[in-house]
Amino acid sequence: MSIVINTNMPALIAQNALTRATWSLNTSMERLTTGNRINSAADDPAGYYYASGLSNQLRGNSVAYQNVSTGANMITLAEGDLSAINDQLERIKDLATQYANDTITDEERTAIKAEAQQRVDEINRIVEDSEFNKVKLLDGSRDGMRLQIGAGSDAATNAININGVFLDASTGQDGIKLFGDKFADLDEAFADAESASEFIDVVQASADIVTERIATAGVYQARLESISDNLLTKNENLSAAYSSVMETDISAETANYVRNQILQQTASSLLIQANQSSGVIALNLIGSLA
């Protein structure tokens, strides 16, 4: 091999090796300190693109899970109010049954009718008070509710409509029809024992309407629970996939770090030797001419 002064090839080779080892060492340090295998798109363009898609799905599913949880809470509130209304109807039915009995006194009839009126008023108060996040639930202002349960725009797979729960639950004809077609108001229903007897079945019909809505709420609750479980499972799997692409394998990267550190130290030492050896040989040869 020729001995030259201007171009020190061993030194250049050692210098390139030192540069590569330093780059690799810096990369290993960055991955170990951040915990991410991909810290910029340059690290792995394809992996970065894939992980970004997974991240978008994760965020979308998380928001959808919140929507489902909120929807379930809203249905639970409506169901509780409907159950309270049902309790009032059961008591009104008991009062009608009691009123239809001729063994009671006029004073008792007056007290029964007064309590029944309070129960009717309470039903209407519950309807007006039934509200979730400033949204009226039982006043008839809406027929149903739309829940976004997915991150996509396709309604068939990313949304459901809650119907049959959020309907008018007031005592009027647009609601649960407490007085049916036979009576105009409580005075007619409790006009005498015979009318009170007929009112029993009318109240039961209203209670059946409310019970059906409560059952419908339960069906939707069960479905939303299933959707929640599905979203959680999806997020678990997506998180595992995202982690496998983006996050650092600490054991493997630690081994890379140690290897690159040794290579850097070795290349540094050899670079010093390469710079010194060529110069020393050249000077010795030149000195022999003197």
C-alpha atoms as a PDB file:
ATOM      1  CA  MET A   1       0.000   0.000   0.000  1.00  0.00           C
ATOM      2  CA  SER A   2       1.332   3.443  -0.922  1.00  0.00           C
ATOM      3  CA  ILE A   3       2.290   5.819   1.839  1.00  0.00           C
ATOM      4  CA  VAL A   4       0.798   9.260   1.139  1.00  0.00           C
ATOM      5  CA  ILE A   5       0.401  12.453   3.117  1.00  0.00           C
ATOM      6  CA  ASN A   6      -2.553  14.348   1.598  1.00  0.00           C
ATOM      7  CA  THR A   7      -5.058  11.495   1.728  1.00  0.00           C
ATOM      8  CA  ASN A   8      -5.060   9.298   4.795  1.00  0.00           C
ATOM      9  CA  MET A   9      -7.417   6.486   3.813  1.00  0.00           C
ATOM     10  CA  PRO A  10      -7.258   4.539   7.102  1.00  0.00           C
ATOM     11  CA  ALA A  11      -8.149   7.750   8.909  1.00  0.00           C
ATOM     12  CA  LEU A  12     -11.049   8.435   6.526  1.00  0.00           C
ATOM     13  CA  ILE A  13     -12.386   4.919   7.017  1.00  0.00           C
ATOM     14  CA  ALA A  14     -12.114   5.251  10.788  1.00  0.00           C
ATOM     15  CA  GLN A  15     -13.726   8.703  10.634  1.00  0.00           C
ATOM     16  CA  ASN A  16     -16.708   7.375   8.622  1.00  0.00           C
ATOM     17  CA  ALA A  17     -17.092   4.491  11.040  1.00  0.00           C
ATOM     18  CA  LEU A  18     -16.972   6.946  13.954  1.00  0.00           C
ATOM     19  CA  THR A  19     -19.656   9.128  12.323  1.00  0.00           C
ATOM     20  CA  ARG A  20     -21.984   6.180  11.695  1.00  0.00           C
ATOM     21  CA  ALA A  21     -21.463   4.845  15.221  1.00  0.00           C
ATOM     22  CA  THR A  22     -22.195   8.298  16.671  1.00  0.00           C
ATOM     23  CA  TRP A  23     -25.389   8.647  14.639  1.00  0.00           C
ATOM     24  CA  SER A  24     -26.541   5.196  15.709  1.00  0.00           C
ATOM     25  CA  LEU A  25     -25.605   5.943  19.314  1.00  0.00           C
ATOM     26  CA  ASN A  26     -27.561   9.200  19.264  1.00  0.00           C
ATOM     27  CA  THR A  27     -30.552   7.382  17.779  1.00  0.00           C
ATOM     28  CA  SER A  28     -30.398   4.729  20.499  1.00  0.00           C
ATOM     29  CA  MET A  29     -30.146   7.417  23.179  1.00  0.00           C
ATOM     30  CA  GLU A  30     -33.170   9.247  21.754  1.00  0.00           C
ATOM     31  CA  ARG A  31     -35.235   6.067  21.602  1.00  0.00           C
ATOM     32  CA  LEU A  32     -34.300   5.090  25.152  1.00  0.00           C
ATOM     33  CA  THR A  33     -35.011   8.532  26.601  1.00  0.00           C
ATOM     34  CA  THR A  34     -38.336   9.090  24.792  1.00  0.00           C
ATOM     35  CA  GLY A  35     -39.517   5.480  24.841  1.00  0.00           C
ATOM     36  CA  ASN A  36     -40.459   5.805  21.159  1.00  0.00           C
ATOM     37  CA  ARG A  37     -38.882   3.864  18.332  1.00  0.00           C
ATOM     38  CA  ILE A  38     -40.203   6.406  15.834  1.00  0.00           C
ATOM     39  CA  ASN A  39     -39.529   9.982  16.922  1.00  0.00           C
ATOM     40  CA  SER A  40     -39.893  11.539  13.488  1.00  0.00           C
ATOM     41  CA  ALA A  41     -41.145  10.407  10.103  1.00  0.00           C
ATOM     42  CA  ALA A  42     -37.524  10.047   8.957  1.00  0.00           C
ATOM     43  CA  ASP A  43     -36.994   7.175  11.401  1.00  0.00           C
ATOM     44  CA  ASP A  44     -39.537   4.955   9.603  1.00  0.00           C
ATOM     45  CA  PRO A  45     -41.821   6.713   7.054  1.00  0.00           C
ATOM     46  CA  ALA A  46     -44.046   3.683   6.464  1.00  0.00           C
ATOM     47  CA  GLY A  47     -44.289   2.905  10.163  1.00  0.00           C
ATOM     48  CA  TYR A  48     -45.040   6.553  10.965  1.00  0.00           C
ATOM     49  CA  TYR A  49     -47.887   6.607   8.424  1.00  0.00           C
ATOM     50  CA  TYR A  50     -49.306   3.353   9.771  1.00  0.00           C
ATOM     51  CA  ALA A  51     -49.043   4.496  13.399  1.00  0.00           C
ATOM     52  CA  SER A  52     -50.725   7.821  12.584  1.00  0.00           C
ATOM     53  CA  GLY A  53     -53.721   5.929  11.209  1.00  0.00           C
ATOM     54  CA  LEU A  54     -53.877   3.817  14.361  1.00  0.00           C
ATOM     55  CA  SER A  55     -53.629   6.925  16.523  1.00  0.00           C
ATOM     56  CA  ASN A  56     -56.546   8.542  14.679  1.00  0.00           C
ATOM     57  CA  GLN A  57     -58.642   5.418  15.194  1.00  0.00           C
ATOM     58  CA  LEU A  58     -57.765   5.342  18.893  1.00  0.00           C
ATOM     59  CA  ARG A  59     -58.765   8.965  19.403  1.00  0.00           C
ATOM     60  CA  GLY A  60     -61.973   8.526  17.432  1.00  0.00           C
ATOM     61  CA  ASN A  61     -62.935   5.420  19.400  1.00  0.00           C
ATOM     62  CA  SER A  62     -62.190   7.193  22.678  1.00  0.00           C
ATOM     63  CA  VAL A  63     -64.550  10.032  21.784  1.00  0.00           C
ATOM     64  CA  ALA A  64     -67.171   7.521  20.623  1.00  0.00           C
ATOM     65  CA  TYR A  65     -66.834   5.696  23.953  1.00  0.00           C
ATOM     66  CA  GLN A  66     -67.529   8.987  25.742  1.00  0.00           C
ATOM     67  CA  ASN A  67     -70.592   9.489  23.530  1.00  0.00           C
ATOM     68  CA  VAL A  68     -71.879   6.034  24.402  1.00  0.00           C
ATOM     69  CA  SER A  69     -71.277   6.600  28.115  1.00  0.00           C
ATOM     70  CA  THR A  70     -73.081   9.944  27.969  1.00  0.00           C
ATOM     71  CA  GLY A  71     -75.959   8.384  26.042  1.00  0.00           C
ATOM     72  CA  ALA A  72     -76.237   5.589  28.590  1.00  0.00           C
ATOM     73  CA  ASN A  73     -76.338   8.137  31.414  1.00  0.00           C
ATOM     74  CA  MET A  74     -79.082  10.050  29.611  1.00  0.00           C
ATOM     75  CA  ILE A  75     -81.175   6.917  29.156  1.00  0.00           C
ATOM     76  CA  THR A  76     -80.613   5.963  32.798  1.00  0.00           C
ATOM     77  CA  LEU A  77     -81.932   9.355  33.900  1.00  0.00           C
ATOM     78  CA  ALA A  78     -85.001   9.057  31.668  1.00  0.00           C
ATOM     79  CA  GLU A  79     -85.602   5.516  32.880  1.00  0.00           C
ATOM     80  CA  GLY A  80     -85.444   6.663  36.501  1.00  0.00           C
ATOM     81  CA  ASP A  81     -87.960   9.422  35.859  1.00  0.00           C
ATOM     82  CA  LEU A  82     -90.260   7.016  34.038  1.00  0.00           C
ATOM     83  CA  SER A  83     -90.055   4.632  36.987  1.00  0.00           C
ATOM     84  CA  ALA A  84     -91.007   7.492  39.311  1.00  0.00           C
ATOM     85  CA  ILE A  85     -93.981   8.262  37.061  1.00  0.00           C
ATOM     86  CA  ASN A  86     -94.942   4.596  37.112  1.00  0.00           C
ATOM     87  CA  ASP A  87     -94.906   4.653  40.920  1.00  0.00           C
ATOM     88  CA  GLN A  88     -97.310   7.589  40.863  1.00  0.00           C
ATOM     89  CA  LEU A  89     -99.616   5.758  38.464  1.00  0.00           C
ATOM     90  CA  GLU A  90     -99.644   2.695  40.668  1.00  0.00           C
ATOM     91  CA  ARG A  91    -100.654   4.866  43.609  1.00  0.00           C
ATOM     92  CA  ILE A  92    -103.381   6.576  41.554  1.00  0.00           C
ATOM     93  CA  LYS A  93    -104.671   3.128  40.591  1.00  0.00           C
ATOM     94  CA  ASP A  94    -104.724   2.127  44.265  1.00  0.00           C
ATOM     95  CA  LEU A  95    -106.640   5.294  45.104  1.00  0.00           C
ATOM     96  CA  ALA A  96    -109.170   4.634  42.328  1.00  0.00           C
ATOM     97  CA  THR A  97    -109.645   1.115  43.663  1.00  0.00           C
ATOM     98  CA  GLN A  98    -110.176   2.482  47.130  1.00  0.00           C
ATOM     99  CA  TYR A  99    -112.579   5.177  45.873  1.00  0.00           C
ATOM    100  CA  ALA A 100    -114.677   2.604  44.027  1.00  0.00           C
ATOM    101  CA  ASN A 101    -115.600   0.970  47.340  1.00  0.00           C
ATOM    102  CA  ASP A 102    -118.897   2.213  48.831  1.00  0.00           C
ATOM    103  CA  THR A 103    -117.800   1.514  52.390  1.00  0.00           C
ATOM    104  CA  ILE A 104    -115.758   4.729  52.654  1.00  0.00           C
ATOM    105  CA  THR A 105    -117.086   8.063  53.894  1.00  0.00           C
ATOM    106  CA  ASP A 106    -117.428  11.300  51.963  1.00  0.00           C
ATOM    107  CA  GLU A 107    -114.517  12.741  53.918  1.00  0.00           C
ATOM    108  CA  GLU A 108    -112.363   9.822  52.849  1.00  0.00           C
ATOM    109  CA  ARG A 109    -113.425  10.295  49.246  1.00  0.00           C
ATOM    110  CA  THR A 110    -112.404  13.941  49.443  1.00  0.00           C
ATOM    111  CA  ALA A 111    -108.993  12.987  50.854  1.00  0.00           C
ATOM    112  CA  ILE A 112    -108.500  10.278  48.223  1.00  0.00           C
ATOM    113  CA  LYS A 113    -109.337  12.655  45.415  1.00  0.00           C
ATOM    114  CA  ALA A 114    -107.000  15.318  46.825  1.00  0.00           C
ATOM    115  CA  GLU A 115    -104.128  12.853  46.993  1.00  0.00           C
ATOM    116  CA  ALA A 116    -104.849  11.629  43.477  1.00  0.00           C
ATOM    117  CA  GLN A 117    -104.658  15.212  42.225  1.00  0.00           C
ATOM    118  CA  GLN A 118    -101.287  15.640  43.924  1.00  0.00           C
ATOM    119  CA  ARG A 119    -100.091  12.472  42.209  1.00  0.00           C
ATOM    120  CA  VAL A 120    -101.217  13.777  38.826  1.00  0.00           C
ATOM    121  CA  ASP A 121     -99.464  17.092  39.472  1.00  0.00           C
ATOM    122  CA  GLU A 122     -96.313  15.238  40.497  1.00  0.00           C
ATOM    123  CA  ILE A 123     -96.270  13.269  37.233  1.00  0.00           C
ATOM    124  CA  ASN A 124     -96.404  16.494  35.242  1.00  0.00           C
ATOM    125  CA  ARG A 125     -93.742  18.049  37.466  1.00  0.00           C
ATOM    126  CA  ILE A 126     -91.429  15.089  36.873  1.00  0.00           C
ATOM    127  CA  VAL A 127     -91.951  15.467  33.133  1.00  0.00           C
ATOM    128  CA  GLU A 128     -91.018  19.143  33.215  1.00  0.00           C
ATOM    129  CA  ASP A 129     -88.036  18.505  35.470  1.00  0.00           C
ATOM    130  CA  SER A 130     -86.658  15.564  33.488  1.00  0.00           C
ATOM    131  CA  GLU A 131     -83.562  17.051  31.875  1.00  0.00           C
ATOM    132  CA  PHE A 132     -80.039  15.974  30.930  1.00  0.00           C
ATOM    133  CA  ASN A 133     -77.386  18.564  30.080  1.00  0.00           C
ATOM    134  CA  LYS A 134     -80.149  21.128  29.412  1.00  0.00           C
ATOM    135  CA  VAL A 135     -81.931  18.694  27.080  1.00  0.00           C
ATOM    136  CA  LYS A 136     -85.561  17.941  27.968  1.00  0.00           C
ATOM    137  CA  LEU A 137     -86.221  14.214  27.993  1.00  0.00           C
ATOM    138  CA  LEU A 138     -89.920  13.570  28.581  1.00  0.00           C
ATOM    139  CA  ASP A 139     -91.789  16.709  27.560  1.00  0.00           C
ATOM    140  CA  GLY A 140     -92.398  15.600  23.972  1.00  0.00           C
ATOM    141  CA  SER A 141     -89.941  18.096  22.470  1.00  0.00           C
ATOM    142  CA  ARG A 142     -88.174  15.256  20.644  1.00  0.00           C
ATOM    143  CA  ASP A 143     -89.140  11.803  19.444  1.00  0.00           C
ATOM    144  CA  GLY A 144     -85.680  10.268  19.737  1.00  0.00           C
ATOM    145  CA  MET A 145     -81.974  10.843  20.226  1.00  0.00           C
ATOM    146  CA  ARG A 146     -79.070  10.180  17.870  1.00  0.00           C
ATOM    147  CA  LEU A 147     -75.864   8.766  19.334  1.00  0.00           C
ATOM    148  CA  GLN A 148     -72.569   8.809  17.435  1.00  0.00           C
ATOM    149  CA  ILE A 149     -70.987   5.522  18.473  1.00  0.00           C
ATOM    150  CA  GLY A 150     -68.094   5.405  15.985  1.00  0.00           C
ATOM    151  CA  ALA A 151     -65.470   7.651  14.429  1.00  0.00           C
ATOM    152  CA  GLY A 152     -66.762   7.248  10.872  1.00  0.00           C
ATOM    153  CA  SER A 153     -69.432   9.066   8.903  1.00  0.00           C
ATOM    154  CA  ASP A 154     -71.415   5.997   7.827  1.00  0.00           C
ATOM    155  CA  ALA A 155     -74.547   6.198   9.960  1.00  0.00           C
ATOM    156  CA  ALA A 156     -75.316   2.516   9.489  1.00  0.00           C
ATOM    157  CA  THR A 157     -72.238   1.483  11.471  1.00  0.00           C
ATOM    158  CA  ASN A 158     -71.344   4.602  13.443  1.00  0.00           C
ATOM    159  CA  ALA A 159     -74.656   5.860  14.852  1.00  0.00           C
ATOM    160  CA  ILE A 160     -77.815   4.598  16.496  1.00  0.00           C
ATOM    161  CA  ASN A 161     -81.133   6.301  17.123  1.00  0.00           C
ATOM    162  CA  ILE A 162     -82.803   5.938  20.520  1.00  0.00           C
ATOM    163  CA  ASN A 163     -86.547   5.730  19.884  1.00  0.00           C
ATOM    164  CA  GLY A 164     -89.506   5.004  22.127  1.00  0.00           C
ATOM    165  CA  VAL A 165     -87.932   6.357  25.326  1.00  0.00           C
ATOM    166  CA  PHE A 166     -87.896  10.139  25.038  1.00  0.00           C
ATOM    167  CA  LEU A 167     -91.580  10.693  24.340  1.00  0.00           C
ATOM    168  CA  ASP A 168     -94.149  12.926  26.012  1.00  0.00           C
ATOM    169  CA  ALA A 169     -94.874  11.415  29.429  1.00  0.00           C
ATOM    170  CA  SER A 170     -97.304  14.064  30.650  1.00  0.00           C
ATOM    171  CA  THR A 171    -100.838  13.041  31.641  1.00  0.00           C
ATOM    172  CA  GLY A 172    -102.497  14.629  28.598  1.00  0.00           C
ATOM    173  CA  GLN A 173    -103.672  13.044  25.361  1.00  0.00           C
ATOM    174  CA  ASP A 174    -100.311  13.746  23.700  1.00  0.00           C
ATOM    175  CA  GLY A 175     -98.608  11.919  26.548  1.00  0.00           C
ATOM    176  CA  ILE A 176     -99.574   8.804  28.461  1.00  0.00           C
ATOM    177  CA  LYS A 177    -103.335   9.543  28.242  1.00  0.00           C
ATOM    178  CA  LEU A 178    -103.989   9.194  31.954  1.00  0.00           C
ATOM    179  CA  PHE A 179    -107.715   9.869  31.556  1.00  0.00           C
ATOM    180  CA  GLY A 180    -108.099   7.942  28.318  1.00  0.00           C
ATOM    181  CA  ASP A 181    -111.106   8.682  26.121  1.00  0.00           C
ATOM    182  CA  LYS A 182    -113.637   8.285  28.956  1.00  0.00           C
ATOM    183  CA  PHE A 183    -112.741  11.141  31.259  1.00  0.00           C
ATOM    184  CA  ALA A 184    -111.807  14.762  30.771  1.00  0.00           C
ATOM    185  CA  ASP A 185    -110.097  15.195  34.112  1.00  0.00           C
ATOM    186  CA  LEU A 186    -109.802  13.841  37.631  1.00  0.00           C
ATOM    187  CA  ASP A 187    -113.172  15.259  38.651  1.00  0.00           C
ATOM    188  CA  GLU A 188    -114.931  13.067  36.104  1.00  0.00           C
ATOM    189  CA  ALA A 189    -112.773  10.070  36.955  1.00  0.00           C
ATOM    190  CA  PHE A 190    -113.682  10.388  40.645  1.00  0.00           C
ATOM    191  CA  ALA A 191    -117.283  11.510  40.116  1.00  0.00           C
ATOM    192  CA  ASP A 192    -118.569   8.409  41.891  1.00  0.00           C
ATOM    193  CA  ALA A 193    -117.637   4.836  42.741  1.00  0.00           C
ATOM    194  CA  GLU A 194    -118.642   3.531  39.339  1.00  0.00           C
ATOM    195  CA  SER A 195    -116.543   6.028  37.415  1.00  0.00           C
ATOM    196  CA  ALA A 196    -113.593   5.347  39.748  1.00  0.00           C
ATOM    197  CA  SER A 197    -113.975   1.651  39.001  1.00  0.00           C
ATOM    198  CA  GLU A 198    -113.765   2.334  35.269  1.00  0.00           C
ATOM    199  CA  PHE A 199    -110.802   4.634  35.869  1.00  0.00           C
ATOM    200  CA  ILE A 200    -108.788   1.718  37.258  1.00  0.00           C
ATOM    201  CA  ASP A 201    -108.360   0.149  33.805  1.00  0.00           C
ATOM    202  CA  VAL A 202    -107.658   3.534  32.235  1.00  0.00           C
ATOM    203  CA  VAL A 203    -104.814   4.181  34.693  1.00  0.00           C
ATOM    204  CA  GLN A 204    -103.488   0.675  34.069  1.00  0.00           C
ATOM    205  CA  ALA A 205    -103.377   1.415  30.340  1.00  0.00           C
ATOM    206  CA  SER A 206    -101.255   4.509  31.061  1.00  0.00           C
ATOM    207  CA  ALA A 207     -99.017   2.477  33.342  1.00  0.00           C
ATOM    208  CA  ASP A 208     -98.570  -0.075  30.547  1.00  0.00           C
ATOM    209  CA  ILE A 209     -97.387   2.720  28.233  1.00  0.00           C
ATOM    210  CA  VAL A 210     -94.825   3.851  30.786  1.00  0.00           C
ATOM    211  CA  THR A 211     -93.727   0.287  31.515  1.00  0.00           C
ATOM    212  CA  GLU A 212     -93.162  -0.327  27.822  1.00  0.00           C
ATOM    213  CA  ARG A 213     -90.949   2.753  27.614  1.00  0.00           C
ATOM    214  CA  ILE A 214     -88.973   1.603  30.654  1.00  0.00           C
ATOM    215  CA  ALA A 215     -88.455  -1.796  29.004  1.00  0.00           C
ATOM    216  CA  THR A 216     -87.354  -0.069  25.796  1.00  0.00           C
ATOM    217  CA  ALA A 217     -84.847   1.974  27.806  1.00  0.00           C
ATOM    218  CA  GLY A 218     -83.486  -1.271  29.244  1.00  0.00           C
ATOM    219  CA  VAL A 219     -83.031  -2.732  25.763  1.00  0.00           C
ATOM    220  CA  TYR A 220     -81.023   0.280  24.665  1.00  0.00           C
ATOM    221  CA  GLN A 221     -79.008   0.200  27.882  1.00  0.00           C
ATOM    222  CA  ALA A 222     -78.011  -3.388  27.190  1.00  0.00           C
ATOM    223  CA  ARG A 223     -77.049  -2.516  23.632  1.00  0.00           C
ATOM    224  CA  LEU A 224     -74.973   0.481  24.695  1.00  0.00           C
ATOM    225  CA  GLU A 225     -73.206  -1.677  27.261  1.00  0.00           C
ATOM    226  CA  SER A 226     -72.303  -4.109  24.484  1.00  0.00           C
ATOM    227  CA  ILE A 227     -71.091  -1.238  22.295  1.00  0.00           C
ATOM    228  CA  SER A 228     -68.950   0.070  25.170  1.00  0.00           C
ATOM    229  CA  ASP A 229     -67.338  -3.332  25.643  1.00  0.00           C
ATOM    230  CA  ASN A 230     -66.666  -3.555  21.916  1.00  0.00           C
ATOM    231  CA  LEU A 231     -65.047  -0.096  21.827  1.00  0.00           C
ATOM    232  CA  LEU A 232     -62.850  -0.960  24.813  1.00  0.00           C
ATOM    233  CA  THR A 233     -61.719  -4.188  23.136  1.00  0.00           C
ATOM    234  CA  LYS A 234     -60.979  -2.325  19.901  1.00  0.00           C
ATOM    235  CA  ASN A 235     -58.916   0.247  21.750  1.00  0.00           C
ATOM    236  CA  GLU A 236     -56.954  -2.469  23.532  1.00  0.00           C
ATOM    237  CA  ASN A 237     -56.070  -4.105  20.226  1.00  0.00           C
ATOM    238  CA  LEU A 238     -55.317  -0.796  18.504  1.00  0.00           C
ATOM    239  CA  SER A 239     -53.128   0.287  21.415  1.00  0.00           C
ATOM    240  CA  ALA A 240     -51.165  -2.969  21.179  1.00  0.00           C
ATOM    241  CA  ALA A 241     -50.673  -2.472  17.435  1.00  0.00           C
ATOM    242  CA  TYR A 242     -49.648   1.168  17.918  1.00  0.00           C
ATOM    243  CA  SER A 243     -47.204   0.206  20.654  1.00  0.00           C
ATOM    244  CA  SER A 244     -45.550  -2.469  18.520  1.00  0.00           C
ATOM    245  CA  VAL A 245     -44.879   0.099  15.778  1.00  0.00           C
ATOM    246  CA  MET A 246     -44.096   3.272  17.718  1.00  0.00           C
ATOM    247  CA  GLU A 247     -42.592   2.287  21.037  1.00  0.00           C
ATOM    248  CA  THR A 248     -39.054   1.226  21.839  1.00  0.00           C
ATOM    249  CA  ASP A 249     -38.142  -2.338  22.706  1.00  0.00           C
ATOM    250  CA  ILE A 250     -35.994  -1.355  25.686  1.00  0.00           C
ATOM    251  CA  SER A 251     -34.038  -4.622  25.877  1.00  0.00           C
ATOM    252  CA  ALA A 252     -33.158  -4.612  22.166  1.00  0.00           C
ATOM    253  CA  GLU A 253     -32.363  -0.889  22.110  1.00  0.00           C
ATOM    254  CA  THR A 254     -30.171  -1.175  25.189  1.00  0.00           C
ATOM    255  CA  ALA A 255     -28.136  -3.827  23.377  1.00  0.00           C
ATOM    256  CA  ASN A 256     -27.899  -1.511  20.353  1.00  0.00           C
ATOM    257  CA  TYR A 257     -26.802   1.343  22.602  1.00  0.00           C
ATOM    258  CA  VAL A 258     -23.985  -0.700  24.167  1.00  0.00           C
ATOM    259  CA  ARG A 259     -22.860  -1.983  20.741  1.00  0.00           C
ATOM    260  CA  ASN A 260     -22.859   1.519  19.236  1.00  0.00           C
ATOM    261  CA  GLN A 261     -21.020   2.891  22.245  1.00  0.00           C
ATOM    262  CA  ILE A 262     -18.279   0.277  21.821  1.00  0.00           C
ATOM    263  CA  LEU A 263     -18.098   0.959  18.080  1.00  0.00           C
ATOM    264  CA  GLN A 264     -17.813   4.700  18.720  1.00  0.00           C
ATOM    265  CA  GLN A 265     -15.001   4.244  21.220  1.00  0.00           C
ATOM    266  CA  THR A 266     -13.227   1.763  18.955  1.00  0.00           C
ATOM    267  CA  ALA A 267     -13.535   3.994  15.886  1.00  0.00           C
ATOM    268  CA  SER A 268     -12.313   6.987  17.901  1.00  0.00           C
ATOM    269  CA  SER A 269      -9.227   5.120  19.093  1.00  0.00           C
ATOM    270  CA  LEU A 270      -8.442   3.776  15.617  1.00  0.00           C
ATOM    271  CA  LEU A 271      -8.874   7.236  14.080  1.00  0.00           C
ATOM    272  CA  ILE A 272      -6.265   8.610  16.442  1.00  0.00           C
ATOM    273  CA  GLN A 273      -3.911   5.728  15.597  1.00  0.00           C
ATOM    274  CA  ALA A 274      -4.520   6.132  11.855  1.00  0.00           C
ATOM    275  CA  ASN A 275      -3.718   9.831  12.010  1.00  0.00           C
ATOM    276  CA  GLN A 276      -0.585   9.208  14.011  1.00  0.00           C
ATOM    277  CA  SER A 277       0.773   6.150  12.188  1.00  0.00           C
ATOM    278  CA  SER A 278       0.766   7.595   8.685  1.00  0.00           C
ATOM    279  CA  GLY A 279       2.412  10.803   9.835  1.00  0.00           C
ATOM    280  CA  VAL A 280       5.076   8.996  11.832  1.00  0.00           C
ATOM    281  CA  ILE A 281       5.991   6.684   8.938  1.00  0.00           C
ATOM    282  CA  ALA A 282       6.142   9.587   6.481  1.00  0.00           C
ATOM    283  CA  LEU A 283       8.324  11.659   8.795  1.00  0.00           C
ATOM    284  CA  ASN A 284      10.637   8.726   9.419  1.00  0.00           C
ATOM    285  CA  LEU A 285      11.056   8.178   5.684  1.00  0.00           C
ATOM    286  CA  ILE A 286      11.711  11.856   5.050  1.00  0.00           C
ATOM    287  CA  GLY A 287      14.095  11.981   7.979  1.00  0.00           C
ATOM    288  CA  SER A 288      16.121   9.105   6.555  1.00  0.00           C
ATOM    289  CA  LEU A 289      16.993  11.279   3.544  1.00  0.00           C
ATOM    290  CA  ALA A 290      18.785  13.847   5.680  1.00  0.00           C
END
